Amino acid sequence: MTYVVIDNCIACKYTDCVEVCPVDCFYEGENMLVIHPDECIDCGVCEPECPADAIRPDTEPDMDAWVTFNRKYSEMWPVIVTKKDPLPGYEERDGETGKREKYFSEAPGQGN
């Protein structure tokens, strides 16, 4: 099992999760985070830290595509280990549907 970040993170990008990760397996895109599924040790400490409920175990239904998505972008984006402020407008976008189609950017974040 591994954990993955899903579309709830897009355009919010809370980073509470990165500070609790014991293996630094979060990677930062311009407007979301992902988890490298091969680096995740399945400890689960990140999941309850996410205010947007955007971290899920890969054992939930329909997570295969998100595992592939997280793997792809974790290999392209820089690692992030320090909490940052969420994106501007996160309050309005938290819980919005269709965020991947509307807002997702392949551009890397700054990392740290």
PDB file of N, CA and C in Angstrom:
ATOM      1  N   MET A   1       0.837  -1.186   0.000  1.00  0.00           N
ATOM      2  CA  MET A   1       0.000   0.000   0.000  1.00  0.00           C
ATOM      3  C   MET A   1       0.880   1.246   0.000  1.00  0.00           C
ATOM      4  N   THR A   2       0.376   2.296  -0.593  1.00  0.00           N
ATOM      5  CA  THR A   2       1.013   3.607  -0.563  1.00  0.00           C
ATOM      6  C   THR A   2      -0.078   4.656  -0.452  1.00  0.00           C
ATOM      7  N   TYR A   3       0.302   5.857  -0.194  1.00  0.00           N
ATOM      8  CA  TYR A   3      -0.641   6.972  -0.172  1.00  0.00           C
ATOM      9  C   TYR A   3      -0.403   7.823  -1.400  1.00  0.00           C
ATOM     10  N   VAL A   4      -1.465   8.477  -1.883  1.00  0.00           N
ATOM     11  CA  VAL A   4      -1.374   9.336  -3.048  1.00  0.00           C
ATOM     12  C   VAL A   4      -2.146  10.628  -2.786  1.00  0.00           C
ATOM     13  N   VAL A   5      -1.760  11.662  -3.508  1.00  0.00           N
ATOM     14  CA  VAL A   5      -2.474  12.929  -3.460  1.00  0.00           C
ATOM     15  C   VAL A   5      -3.450  12.940  -4.632  1.00  0.00           C
ATOM     16  N   ILE A   6      -4.689  13.353  -4.363  1.00  0.00           N
ATOM     17  CA  ILE A   6      -5.715  13.398  -5.403  1.00  0.00           C
ATOM     18  C   ILE A   6      -6.081  14.845  -5.729  1.00  0.00           C
ATOM     19  N   ASP A   7      -7.048  15.029  -6.607  1.00  0.00           N
ATOM     20  CA  ASP A   7      -7.364  16.352  -7.143  1.00  0.00           C
ATOM     21  C   ASP A   7      -7.839  17.380  -6.131  1.00  0.00           C
ATOM     22  N   ASN A   8      -8.235  16.989  -4.947  1.00  0.00           N
ATOM     23  CA  ASN A   8      -8.635  17.966  -3.931  1.00  0.00           C
ATOM     24  C   ASN A   8      -7.500  18.932  -3.598  1.00  0.00           C
ATOM     25  N   CYS A   9      -6.256  18.527  -3.831  1.00  0.00           N
ATOM     26  CA  CYS A   9      -5.097  19.367  -3.540  1.00  0.00           C
ATOM     27  C   CYS A   9      -4.915  20.494  -4.558  1.00  0.00           C
ATOM     28  N   ILE A  10      -5.350  20.267  -5.778  1.00  0.00           N
ATOM     29  CA  ILE A  10      -5.116  21.220  -6.859  1.00  0.00           C
ATOM     30  C   ILE A  10      -5.751  22.571  -6.530  1.00  0.00           C
ATOM     31  N   ALA A  11      -4.972  23.626  -6.711  1.00  0.00           N
ATOM     32  CA  ALA A  11      -5.379  25.014  -6.503  1.00  0.00           C
ATOM     33  C   ALA A  11      -5.582  25.370  -5.027  1.00  0.00           C
ATOM     34  N   CYS A  12      -5.258  24.465  -4.129  1.00  0.00           N
ATOM     35  CA  CYS A  12      -5.237  24.754  -2.690  1.00  0.00           C
ATOM     36  C   CYS A  12      -3.792  24.656  -2.192  1.00  0.00           C
ATOM     37  N   LYS A  13      -3.212  23.490  -2.389  1.00  0.00           N
ATOM     38  CA  LYS A  13      -1.826  23.168  -2.036  1.00  0.00           C
ATOM     39  C   LYS A  13      -1.499  23.487  -0.570  1.00  0.00           C
ATOM     40  N   TYR A  14      -2.277  22.894   0.320  1.00  0.00           N
ATOM     41  CA  TYR A  14      -1.893  22.921   1.725  1.00  0.00           C
ATOM     42  C   TYR A  14      -0.608  22.108   1.843  1.00  0.00           C
ATOM     43  N   THR A  15       0.267  22.470   2.735  1.00  0.00           N
ATOM     44  CA  THR A  15       1.528  21.739   2.881  1.00  0.00           C
ATOM     45  C   THR A  15       1.734  21.221   4.296  1.00  0.00           C
ATOM     46  N   ASP A  16       0.674  21.128   5.061  1.00  0.00           N
ATOM     47  CA  ASP A  16       0.761  20.594   6.425  1.00  0.00           C
ATOM     48  C   ASP A  16       1.368  19.195   6.435  1.00  0.00           C
ATOM     49  N   CYS A  17       1.086  18.430   5.393  1.00  0.00           N
ATOM     50  CA  CYS A  17       1.510  17.039   5.281  1.00  0.00           C
ATOM     51  C   CYS A  17       3.022  16.869   5.176  1.00  0.00           C
ATOM     52  N   VAL A  18       3.704  17.811   4.546  1.00  0.00           N
ATOM     53  CA  VAL A  18       5.132  17.614   4.266  1.00  0.00           C
ATOM     54  C   VAL A  18       5.984  17.600   5.526  1.00  0.00           C
ATOM     55  N   GLU A  19       5.567  18.336   6.539  1.00  0.00           N
ATOM     56  CA  GLU A  19       6.369  18.412   7.760  1.00  0.00           C
ATOM     57  C   GLU A  19       6.296  17.150   8.606  1.00  0.00           C
ATOM     58  N   VAL A  20       5.248  16.354   8.438  1.00  0.00           N
ATOM     59  CA  VAL A  20       5.124  15.139   9.242  1.00  0.00           C
ATOM     60  C   VAL A  20       5.675  13.905   8.544  1.00  0.00           C
ATOM     61  N   CYS A  21       5.977  14.022   7.269  1.00  0.00           N
ATOM     62  CA  CYS A  21       6.459  12.866   6.506  1.00  0.00           C
ATOM     63  C   CYS A  21       7.870  12.481   6.953  1.00  0.00           C
ATOM     64  N   PRO A  22       8.048  11.259   7.444  1.00  0.00           N
ATOM     65  CA  PRO A  22       9.374  10.858   7.936  1.00  0.00           C
ATOM     66  C   PRO A  22      10.379  10.519   6.842  1.00  0.00           C
ATOM     67  N   VAL A  23       9.915  10.390   5.581  1.00  0.00           N
ATOM     68  CA  VAL A  23      10.830  10.001   4.509  1.00  0.00           C
ATOM     69  C   VAL A  23      10.900  11.032   3.372  1.00  0.00           C
ATOM     70  N   ASP A  24      10.295  12.194   3.559  1.00  0.00           N
ATOM     71  CA  ASP A  24      10.378  13.278   2.575  1.00  0.00           C
ATOM     72  C   ASP A  24       9.998  12.819   1.166  1.00  0.00           C
ATOM     73  N   CYS A  25       8.814  12.233   1.036  1.00  0.00           N
ATOM     74  CA  CYS A  25       8.389  11.713  -0.275  1.00  0.00           C
ATOM     75  C   CYS A  25       7.356  12.596  -0.962  1.00  0.00           C
ATOM     76  N   PHE A  26       7.204  13.853  -0.508  1.00  0.00           N
ATOM     77  CA  PHE A  26       6.305  14.799  -1.171  1.00  0.00           C
ATOM     78  C   PHE A  26       7.085  15.641  -2.168  1.00  0.00           C
ATOM     79  N   TYR A  27       6.442  15.905  -3.303  1.00  0.00           N
ATOM     80  CA  TYR A  27       7.049  16.699  -4.369  1.00  0.00           C
ATOM     81  C   TYR A  27       6.082  17.809  -4.743  1.00  0.00           C
ATOM     82  N   GLU A  28       6.652  18.980  -5.092  1.00  0.00           N
ATOM     83  CA  GLU A  28       5.833  20.171  -5.275  1.00  0.00           C
ATOM     84  C   GLU A  28       5.708  20.602  -6.729  1.00  0.00           C
ATOM     85  N   GLY A  29       4.457  20.687  -7.173  1.00  0.00           N
ATOM     86  CA  GLY A  29       4.151  21.295  -8.451  1.00  0.00           C
ATOM     87  C   GLY A  29       3.719  22.729  -8.228  1.00  0.00           C
ATOM     88  N   GLU A  30       3.478  23.424  -9.293  1.00  0.00           N
ATOM     89  CA  GLU A  30       3.062  24.822  -9.204  1.00  0.00           C
ATOM     90  C   GLU A  30       1.800  24.987  -8.359  1.00  0.00           C
ATOM     91  N   ASN A  31       0.845  24.046  -8.503  1.00  0.00           N
ATOM     92  CA  ASN A  31      -0.398  24.245  -7.755  1.00  0.00           C
ATOM     93  C   ASN A  31      -0.923  22.991  -7.052  1.00  0.00           C
ATOM     94  N   MET A  32      -0.041  22.025  -6.802  1.00  0.00           N
ATOM     95  CA  MET A  32      -0.423  20.864  -5.994  1.00  0.00           C
ATOM     96  C   MET A  32       0.825  20.111  -5.555  1.00  0.00           C
ATOM     97  N   LEU A  33       0.641  19.146  -4.692  1.00  0.00           N
ATOM     98  CA  LEU A  33       1.701  18.245  -4.259  1.00  0.00           C
ATOM     99  C   LEU A  33       1.398  16.843  -4.757  1.00  0.00           C
ATOM    100  N   VAL A  34       2.419  16.004  -4.806  1.00  0.00           N
ATOM    101  CA  VAL A  34       2.244  14.573  -5.067  1.00  0.00           C
ATOM    102  C   VAL A  34       3.164  13.804  -4.129  1.00  0.00           C
ATOM    103  N   ILE A  35       2.890  12.505  -3.999  1.00  0.00           N
ATOM    104  CA  ILE A  35       3.704  11.593  -3.191  1.00  0.00           C
ATOM    105  C   ILE A  35       4.355  10.596  -4.131  1.00  0.00           C
ATOM    106  N   HIS A  36       5.647  10.378  -3.951  1.00  0.00           N
ATOM    107  CA  HIS A  36       6.311   9.345  -4.762  1.00  0.00           C
ATOM    108  C   HIS A  36       5.908   7.986  -4.180  1.00  0.00           C
ATOM    109  N   PRO A  37       5.138   7.181  -4.917  1.00  0.00           N
ATOM    110  CA  PRO A  37       4.625   5.931  -4.359  1.00  0.00           C
ATOM    111  C   PRO A  37       5.703   4.904  -4.016  1.00  0.00           C
ATOM    112  N   ASP A  38       6.866   4.991  -4.633  1.00  0.00           N
ATOM    113  CA  ASP A  38       7.940   4.046  -4.307  1.00  0.00           C
ATOM    114  C   ASP A  38       8.742   4.478  -3.087  1.00  0.00           C
ATOM    115  N   GLU A  39       8.602   5.729  -2.680  1.00  0.00           N
ATOM    116  CA  GLU A  39       9.307   6.232  -1.501  1.00  0.00           C
ATOM    117  C   GLU A  39       8.432   6.226  -0.253  1.00  0.00           C
ATOM    118  N   CYS A  40       7.128   6.265  -0.434  1.00  0.00           N
ATOM    119  CA  CYS A  40       6.178   6.273   0.682  1.00  0.00           C
ATOM    120  C   CYS A  40       6.315   4.968   1.464  1.00  0.00           C
ATOM    121  N   ILE A  41       6.391   5.081   2.787  1.00  0.00           N
ATOM    122  CA  ILE A  41       6.520   3.889   3.634  1.00  0.00           C
ATOM    123  C   ILE A  41       5.187   3.473   4.251  1.00  0.00           C
ATOM    124  N   ASP A  42       4.107   4.076   3.777  1.00  0.00           N
ATOM    125  CA  ASP A  42       2.758   3.687   4.192  1.00  0.00           C
ATOM    126  C   ASP A  42       2.476   3.908   5.678  1.00  0.00           C
ATOM    127  N   CYS A  43       3.120   4.900   6.269  1.00  0.00           N
ATOM    128  CA  CYS A  43       2.909   5.142   7.698  1.00  0.00           C
ATOM    129  C   CYS A  43       1.570   5.817   7.969  1.00  0.00           C
ATOM    130  N   GLY A  44       1.059   6.599   7.011  1.00  0.00           N
ATOM    131  CA  GLY A  44      -0.248   7.216   7.138  1.00  0.00           C
ATOM    132  C   GLY A  44      -0.306   8.489   7.956  1.00  0.00           C
ATOM    133  N   VAL A  45       0.826   9.003   8.429  1.00  0.00           N
ATOM    134  CA  VAL A  45       0.765  10.202   9.268  1.00  0.00           C
ATOM    135  C   VAL A  45       0.348  11.439   8.482  1.00  0.00           C
ATOM    136  N   CYS A  46       0.527  11.434   7.179  1.00  0.00           N
ATOM    137  CA  CYS A  46       0.178  12.594   6.358  1.00  0.00           C
ATOM    138  C   CYS A  46      -1.332  12.734   6.154  1.00  0.00           C
ATOM    139  N   GLU A  47      -2.018  11.633   6.048  1.00  0.00           N
ATOM    140  CA  GLU A  47      -3.438  11.654   5.674  1.00  0.00           C
ATOM    141  C   GLU A  47      -4.296  12.538   6.588  1.00  0.00           C
ATOM    142  N   PRO A  48      -4.214  12.404   7.915  1.00  0.00           N
ATOM    143  CA  PRO A  48      -5.051  13.257   8.759  1.00  0.00           C
ATOM    144  C   PRO A  48      -4.595  14.713   8.817  1.00  0.00           C
ATOM    145  N   GLU A  49      -3.398  15.016   8.343  1.00  0.00           N
ATOM    146  CA  GLU A  49      -2.887  16.386   8.366  1.00  0.00           C
ATOM    147  C   GLU A  49      -3.446  17.258   7.255  1.00  0.00           C
ATOM    148  N   CYS A  50      -4.024  16.652   6.224  1.00  0.00           N
ATOM    149  CA  CYS A  50      -4.480  17.404   5.059  1.00  0.00           C
ATOM    150  C   CYS A  50      -5.860  18.014   5.299  1.00  0.00           C
ATOM    151  N   PRO A  51      -5.951  19.353   5.373  1.00  0.00           N
ATOM    152  CA  PRO A  51      -7.252  19.998   5.581  1.00  0.00           C
ATOM    153  C   PRO A  51      -8.217  19.808   4.412  1.00  0.00           C
ATOM    154  N   ALA A  52      -7.696  19.497   3.219  1.00  0.00           N
ATOM    155  CA  ALA A  52      -8.544  19.334   2.037  1.00  0.00           C
ATOM    156  C   ALA A  52      -8.945  17.885   1.789  1.00  0.00           C
ATOM    157  N   ASP A  53      -8.549  16.971   2.659  1.00  0.00           N
ATOM    158  CA  ASP A  53      -8.855  15.550   2.479  1.00  0.00           C
ATOM    159  C   ASP A  53      -8.386  15.070   1.110  1.00  0.00           C
ATOM    160  N   ALA A  54      -7.139  15.448   0.757  1.00  0.00           N
ATOM    161  CA  ALA A  54      -6.603  15.148  -0.569  1.00  0.00           C
ATOM    162  C   ALA A  54      -5.591  14.013  -0.574  1.00  0.00           C
ATOM    163  N   ILE A  55      -5.397  13.344   0.540  1.00  0.00           N
ATOM    164  CA  ILE A  55      -4.447  12.228   0.605  1.00  0.00           C
ATOM    165  C   ILE A  55      -5.231  10.965   0.908  1.00  0.00           C
ATOM    166  N   ARG A  56      -5.045   9.965   0.064  1.00  0.00           N
ATOM    167  CA  ARG A  56      -5.801   8.719   0.188  1.00  0.00           C
ATOM    168  C   ARG A  56      -4.883   7.517   0.045  1.00  0.00           C
ATOM    169  N   PRO A  57      -5.234   6.400   0.688  1.00  0.00           N
ATOM    170  CA  PRO A  57      -4.486   5.166   0.450  1.00  0.00           C
ATOM    171  C   PRO A  57      -4.822   4.606  -0.926  1.00  0.00           C
ATOM    172  N   ASP A  58      -3.861   3.962  -1.542  1.00  0.00           N
ATOM    173  CA  ASP A  58      -4.108   3.425  -2.886  1.00  0.00           C
ATOM    174  C   ASP A  58      -5.037   2.223  -2.885  1.00  0.00           C
ATOM    175  N   THR A  59      -5.440   1.764  -1.715  1.00  0.00           N
ATOM    176  CA  THR A  59      -6.365   0.643  -1.615  1.00  0.00           C
ATOM    177  C   THR A  59      -7.821   1.055  -1.814  1.00  0.00           C
ATOM    178  N   GLU A  60      -8.099   2.364  -1.840  1.00  0.00           N
ATOM    179  CA  GLU A  60      -9.458   2.827  -2.113  1.00  0.00           C
ATOM    180  C   GLU A  60      -9.780   2.592  -3.587  1.00  0.00           C
ATOM    181  N   PRO A  61     -11.059   2.495  -3.930  1.00  0.00           N
ATOM    182  CA  PRO A  61     -11.438   2.273  -5.334  1.00  0.00           C
ATOM    183  C   PRO A  61     -10.941   3.396  -6.253  1.00  0.00           C
ATOM    184  N   ASP A  62     -10.588   3.021  -7.464  1.00  0.00           N
ATOM    185  CA  ASP A  62     -10.211   3.957  -8.526  1.00  0.00           C
ATOM    186  C   ASP A  62      -8.958   4.781  -8.229  1.00  0.00           C
ATOM    187  N   MET A  63      -8.029   4.227  -7.471  1.00  0.00           N
ATOM    188  CA  MET A  63      -6.808   4.952  -7.146  1.00  0.00           C
ATOM    189  C   MET A  63      -5.645   4.628  -8.080  1.00  0.00           C
ATOM    190  N   ASP A  64      -5.769   3.625  -8.939  1.00  0.00           N
ATOM    191  CA  ASP A  64      -4.658   3.256  -9.828  1.00  0.00           C
ATOM    192  C   ASP A  64      -4.190   4.434 -10.680  1.00  0.00           C
ATOM    193  N   ALA A  65      -5.114   5.187 -11.219  1.00  0.00           N
ATOM    194  CA  ALA A  65      -4.746   6.337 -12.049  1.00  0.00           C
ATOM    195  C   ALA A  65      -4.016   7.395 -11.233  1.00  0.00           C
ATOM    196  N   TRP A  66      -4.397   7.543  -9.961  1.00  0.00           N
ATOM    197  CA  TRP A  66      -3.726   8.527  -9.110  1.00  0.00           C
ATOM    198  C   TRP A  66      -2.329   8.064  -8.709  1.00  0.00           C
ATOM    199  N   VAL A  67      -2.132   6.759  -8.565  1.00  0.00           N
ATOM    200  CA  VAL A  67      -0.776   6.242  -8.300  1.00  0.00           C
ATOM    201  C   VAL A  67       0.123   6.575  -9.483  1.00  0.00           C
ATOM    202  N   THR A  68      -0.354   6.334 -10.690  1.00  0.00           N
ATOM    203  CA  THR A  68       0.410   6.642 -11.899  1.00  0.00           C
ATOM    204  C   THR A  68       0.688   8.144 -11.993  1.00  0.00           C
ATOM    205  N   PHE A  69      -0.312   8.946 -11.730  1.00  0.00           N
ATOM    206  CA  PHE A  69      -0.188  10.405 -11.760  1.00  0.00           C
ATOM    207  C   PHE A  69       0.863  10.870 -10.759  1.00  0.00           C
ATOM    208  N   ASN A  70       0.765  10.386  -9.503  1.00  0.00           N
ATOM    209  CA  ASN A  70       1.714  10.779  -8.461  1.00  0.00           C
ATOM    210  C   ASN A  70       3.137  10.354  -8.819  1.00  0.00           C
ATOM    211  N   ARG A  71       3.289   9.150  -9.355  1.00  0.00           N
ATOM    212  CA  ARG A  71       4.621   8.668  -9.754  1.00  0.00           C
ATOM    213  C   ARG A  71       5.207   9.580 -10.841  1.00  0.00           C
ATOM    214  N   LYS A  72       4.415   9.869 -11.863  1.00  0.00           N
ATOM    215  CA  LYS A  72       4.895  10.687 -12.984  1.00  0.00           C
ATOM    216  C   LYS A  72       5.414  12.042 -12.514  1.00  0.00           C
ATOM    217  N   TYR A  73       4.625  12.747 -11.735  1.00  0.00           N
ATOM    218  CA  TYR A  73       5.011  14.104 -11.355  1.00  0.00           C
ATOM    219  C   TYR A  73       6.043  14.138 -10.224  1.00  0.00           C
ATOM    220  N   SER A  74       6.083  13.113  -9.399  1.00  0.00           N
ATOM    221  CA  SER A  74       7.124  13.089  -8.361  1.00  0.00           C
ATOM    222  C   SER A  74       8.503  12.904  -8.980  1.00  0.00           C
ATOM    223  N   GLU A  75       8.558  12.376 -10.170  1.00  0.00           N
ATOM    224  CA  GLU A  75       9.829  12.215 -10.862  1.00  0.00           C
ATOM    225  C   GLU A  75      10.219  13.469 -11.645  1.00  0.00           C
ATOM    226  N   MET A  76       9.311  14.443 -11.732  1.00  0.00           N
ATOM    227  CA  MET A  76       9.558  15.675 -12.483  1.00  0.00           C
ATOM    228  C   MET A  76       9.708  16.902 -11.582  1.00  0.00           C
ATOM    229  N   TRP A  77       9.118  16.861 -10.407  1.00  0.00           N
ATOM    230  CA  TRP A  77       9.044  18.036  -9.535  1.00  0.00           C
ATOM    231  C   TRP A  77      10.036  17.934  -8.382  1.00  0.00           C
ATOM    232  N   PRO A  78      10.392  19.071  -7.750  1.00  0.00           N
ATOM    233  CA  PRO A  78      11.330  19.057  -6.621  1.00  0.00           C
ATOM    234  C   PRO A  78      10.665  18.595  -5.326  1.00  0.00           C
ATOM    235  N   VAL A  79      11.478  18.032  -4.463  1.00  0.00           N
ATOM    236  CA  VAL A  79      10.997  17.601  -3.148  1.00  0.00           C
ATOM    237  C   VAL A  79      10.641  18.831  -2.309  1.00  0.00           C
ATOM    238  N   ILE A  80       9.653  18.663  -1.445  1.00  0.00           N
ATOM    239  CA  ILE A  80       9.264  19.718  -0.510  1.00  0.00           C
ATOM    240  C   ILE A  80       9.211  19.123   0.888  1.00  0.00           C
ATOM    241  N   VAL A  81       9.835  19.797   1.842  1.00  0.00           N
ATOM    242  CA  VAL A  81       9.882  19.286   3.215  1.00  0.00           C
ATOM    243  C   VAL A  81       9.443  20.324   4.250  1.00  0.00           C
ATOM    244  N   THR A  82       9.237  21.560   3.820  1.00  0.00           N
ATOM    245  CA  THR A  82       8.881  22.637   4.741  1.00  0.00           C
ATOM    246  C   THR A  82       7.509  23.201   4.391  1.00  0.00           C
ATOM    247  N   LYS A  83       6.710  23.419   5.411  1.00  0.00           N
ATOM    248  CA  LYS A  83       5.362  23.951   5.215  1.00  0.00           C
ATOM    249  C   LYS A  83       5.410  25.363   4.647  1.00  0.00           C
ATOM    250  N   LYS A  84       4.497  25.633   3.709  1.00  0.00           N
ATOM    251  CA  LYS A  84       4.322  26.949   3.104  1.00  0.00           C
ATOM    252  C   LYS A  84       2.854  27.338   3.233  1.00  0.00           C
ATOM    253  N   ASP A  85       2.554  28.585   2.936  1.00  0.00           N
ATOM    254  CA  ASP A  85       1.162  29.033   2.926  1.00  0.00           C
ATOM    255  C   ASP A  85       0.429  28.386   1.752  1.00  0.00           C
ATOM    256  N   PRO A  86      -0.869  28.096   1.917  1.00  0.00           N
ATOM    257  CA  PRO A  86      -1.639  27.590   0.775  1.00  0.00           C
ATOM    258  C   PRO A  86      -1.739  28.654  -0.311  1.00  0.00           C
ATOM    259  N   LEU A  87      -2.202  28.255  -1.473  1.00  0.00           N
ATOM    260  CA  LEU A  87      -2.317  29.175  -2.598  1.00  0.00           C
ATOM    261  C   LEU A  87      -3.406  30.224  -2.360  1.00  0.00           C
ATOM    262  N   PRO A  88      -3.242  31.404  -2.940  1.00  0.00           N
ATOM    263  CA  PRO A  88      -4.310  32.409  -2.835  1.00  0.00           C
ATOM    264  C   PRO A  88      -5.620  31.853  -3.402  1.00  0.00           C
ATOM    265  N   GLY A  89      -6.715  32.124  -2.719  1.00  0.00           N
ATOM    266  CA  GLY A  89      -8.018  31.648  -3.159  1.00  0.00           C
ATOM    267  C   GLY A  89      -8.342  30.228  -2.732  1.00  0.00           C
ATOM    268  N   TYR A  90      -7.476  29.632  -1.897  1.00  0.00           N
ATOM    269  CA  TYR A  90      -7.695  28.238  -1.503  1.00  0.00           C
ATOM    270  C   TYR A  90      -9.029  28.022  -0.805  1.00  0.00           C
ATOM    271  N   GLU A  91      -9.505  29.023  -0.064  1.00  0.00           N
ATOM    272  CA  GLU A  91     -10.777  28.853   0.654  1.00  0.00           C
ATOM    273  C   GLU A  91     -11.924  28.591  -0.315  1.00  0.00           C
ATOM    274  N   GLU A  92     -11.941  29.317  -1.431  1.00  0.00           N
ATOM    275  CA  GLU A  92     -13.019  29.167  -2.406  1.00  0.00           C
ATOM    276  C   GLU A  92     -12.904  27.865  -3.186  1.00  0.00           C
ATOM    277  N   ARG A  93     -11.695  27.358  -3.368  1.00  0.00           N
ATOM    278  CA  ARG A  93     -11.492  26.169  -4.201  1.00  0.00           C
ATOM    279  C   ARG A  93     -11.482  24.866  -3.402  1.00  0.00           C
ATOM    280  N   ASP A  94     -11.375  24.953  -2.093  1.00  0.00           N
ATOM    281  CA  ASP A  94     -11.367  23.757  -1.261  1.00  0.00           C
ATOM    282  C   ASP A  94     -12.700  23.032  -1.421  1.00  0.00           C
ATOM    283  N   GLY A  95     -12.648  21.796  -1.910  1.00  0.00           N
ATOM    284  CA  GLY A  95     -13.848  20.998  -2.095  1.00  0.00           C
ATOM    285  C   GLY A  95     -14.503  21.139  -3.465  1.00  0.00           C
ATOM    286  N   GLU A  96     -13.993  22.021  -4.299  1.00  0.00           N
ATOM    287  CA  GLU A  96     -14.534  22.208  -5.648  1.00  0.00           C
ATOM    288  C   GLU A  96     -14.313  20.939  -6.477  1.00  0.00           C
ATOM    289  N   THR A  97     -15.235  20.615  -7.338  1.00  0.00           N
ATOM    290  CA  THR A  97     -15.088  19.448  -8.209  1.00  0.00           C
ATOM    291  C   THR A  97     -14.495  19.856  -9.553  1.00  0.00           C
ATOM    292  N   GLY A  98     -13.918  18.884 -10.260  1.00  0.00           N
ATOM    293  CA  GLY A  98     -13.367  19.123 -11.590  1.00  0.00           C
ATOM    294  C   GLY A  98     -12.096  19.946 -11.604  1.00  0.00           C
ATOM    295  N   LYS A  99     -11.373  19.973 -10.499  1.00  0.00           N
ATOM    296  CA  LYS A  99     -10.198  20.832 -10.400  1.00  0.00           C
ATOM    297  C   LYS A  99      -9.054  20.403 -11.330  1.00  0.00           C
ATOM    298  N   ARG A 100      -8.931  19.126 -11.595  1.00  0.00           N
ATOM    299  CA  ARG A 100      -7.849  18.676 -12.474  1.00  0.00           C
ATOM    300  C   ARG A 100      -8.023  19.261 -13.878  1.00  0.00           C
ATOM    301  N   GLU A 101      -9.222  19.226 -14.387  1.00  0.00           N
ATOM    302  CA  GLU A 101      -9.497  19.754 -15.713  1.00  0.00           C
ATOM    303  C   GLU A 101      -9.409  21.277 -15.752  1.00  0.00           C
ATOM    304  N   LYS A 102      -9.800  21.936 -14.681  1.00  0.00           N
ATOM    305  CA  LYS A 102      -9.845  23.394 -14.650  1.00  0.00           C
ATOM    306  C   LYS A 102      -8.504  24.047 -14.341  1.00  0.00           C
ATOM    307  N   TYR A 103      -7.737  23.474 -13.400  1.00  0.00           N
ATOM    308  CA  TYR A 103      -6.610  24.220 -12.836  1.00  0.00           C
ATOM    309  C   TYR A 103      -5.250  23.537 -12.892  1.00  0.00           C
ATOM    310  N   PHE A 104      -5.171  22.239 -13.109  1.00  0.00           N
ATOM    311  CA  PHE A 104      -3.901  21.541 -12.969  1.00  0.00           C
ATOM    312  C   PHE A 104      -2.819  22.109 -13.881  1.00  0.00           C
ATOM    313  N   SER A 105      -1.631  22.275 -13.308  1.00  0.00           N
ATOM    314  CA  SER A 105      -0.453  22.734 -14.051  1.00  0.00           C
ATOM    315  C   SER A 105       0.658  21.695 -13.900  1.00  0.00           C
ATOM    316  N   GLU A 106       1.309  21.352 -14.994  1.00  0.00           N
ATOM    317  CA  GLU A 106       2.449  20.436 -14.951  1.00  0.00           C
ATOM    318  C   GLU A 106       3.732  21.127 -14.507  1.00  0.00           C
ATOM    319  N   ALA A 107       3.710  22.428 -14.384  1.00  0.00           N
ATOM    320  CA  ALA A 107       4.912  23.184 -14.012  1.00  0.00           C
ATOM    321  C   ALA A 107       5.369  22.800 -12.604  1.00  0.00           C
ATOM    322  N   PRO A 108       6.681  22.720 -12.386  1.00  0.00           N
ATOM    323  CA  PRO A 108       7.182  22.405 -11.051  1.00  0.00           C
ATOM    324  C   PRO A 108       6.995  23.587 -10.099  1.00  0.00           C
ATOM    325  N   GLY A 109       6.985  23.263  -8.813  1.00  0.00           N
ATOM    326  CA  GLY A 109       6.994  24.287  -7.784  1.00  0.00           C
ATOM    327  C   GLY A 109       8.439  24.640  -7.436  1.00  0.00           C
ATOM    328  N   GLN A 110       8.597  25.376  -6.354  1.00  0.00           N
ATOM    329  CA  GLN A 110       9.926  25.801  -5.910  1.00  0.00           C
ATOM    330  C   GLN A 110      10.668  24.716  -5.147  1.00  0.00           C
ATOM    331  N   GLY A 111       9.897  23.864  -4.424  1.00  0.00           N
ATOM    332  CA  GLY A 111      10.538  22.852  -3.577  1.00  0.00           C
ATOM    333  C   GLY A 111      11.277  23.508  -2.418  1.00  0.00           C
ATOM    334  N   ASN A 112      11.767  22.693  -1.512  1.00  0.00           N
ATOM    335  CA  ASN A 112      12.636  23.145  -0.412  1.00  0.00           C
ATOM    336  C   ASN A 112      12.953  22.022   0.519  1.00  0.00           C
TER     337      ASN A 112
END
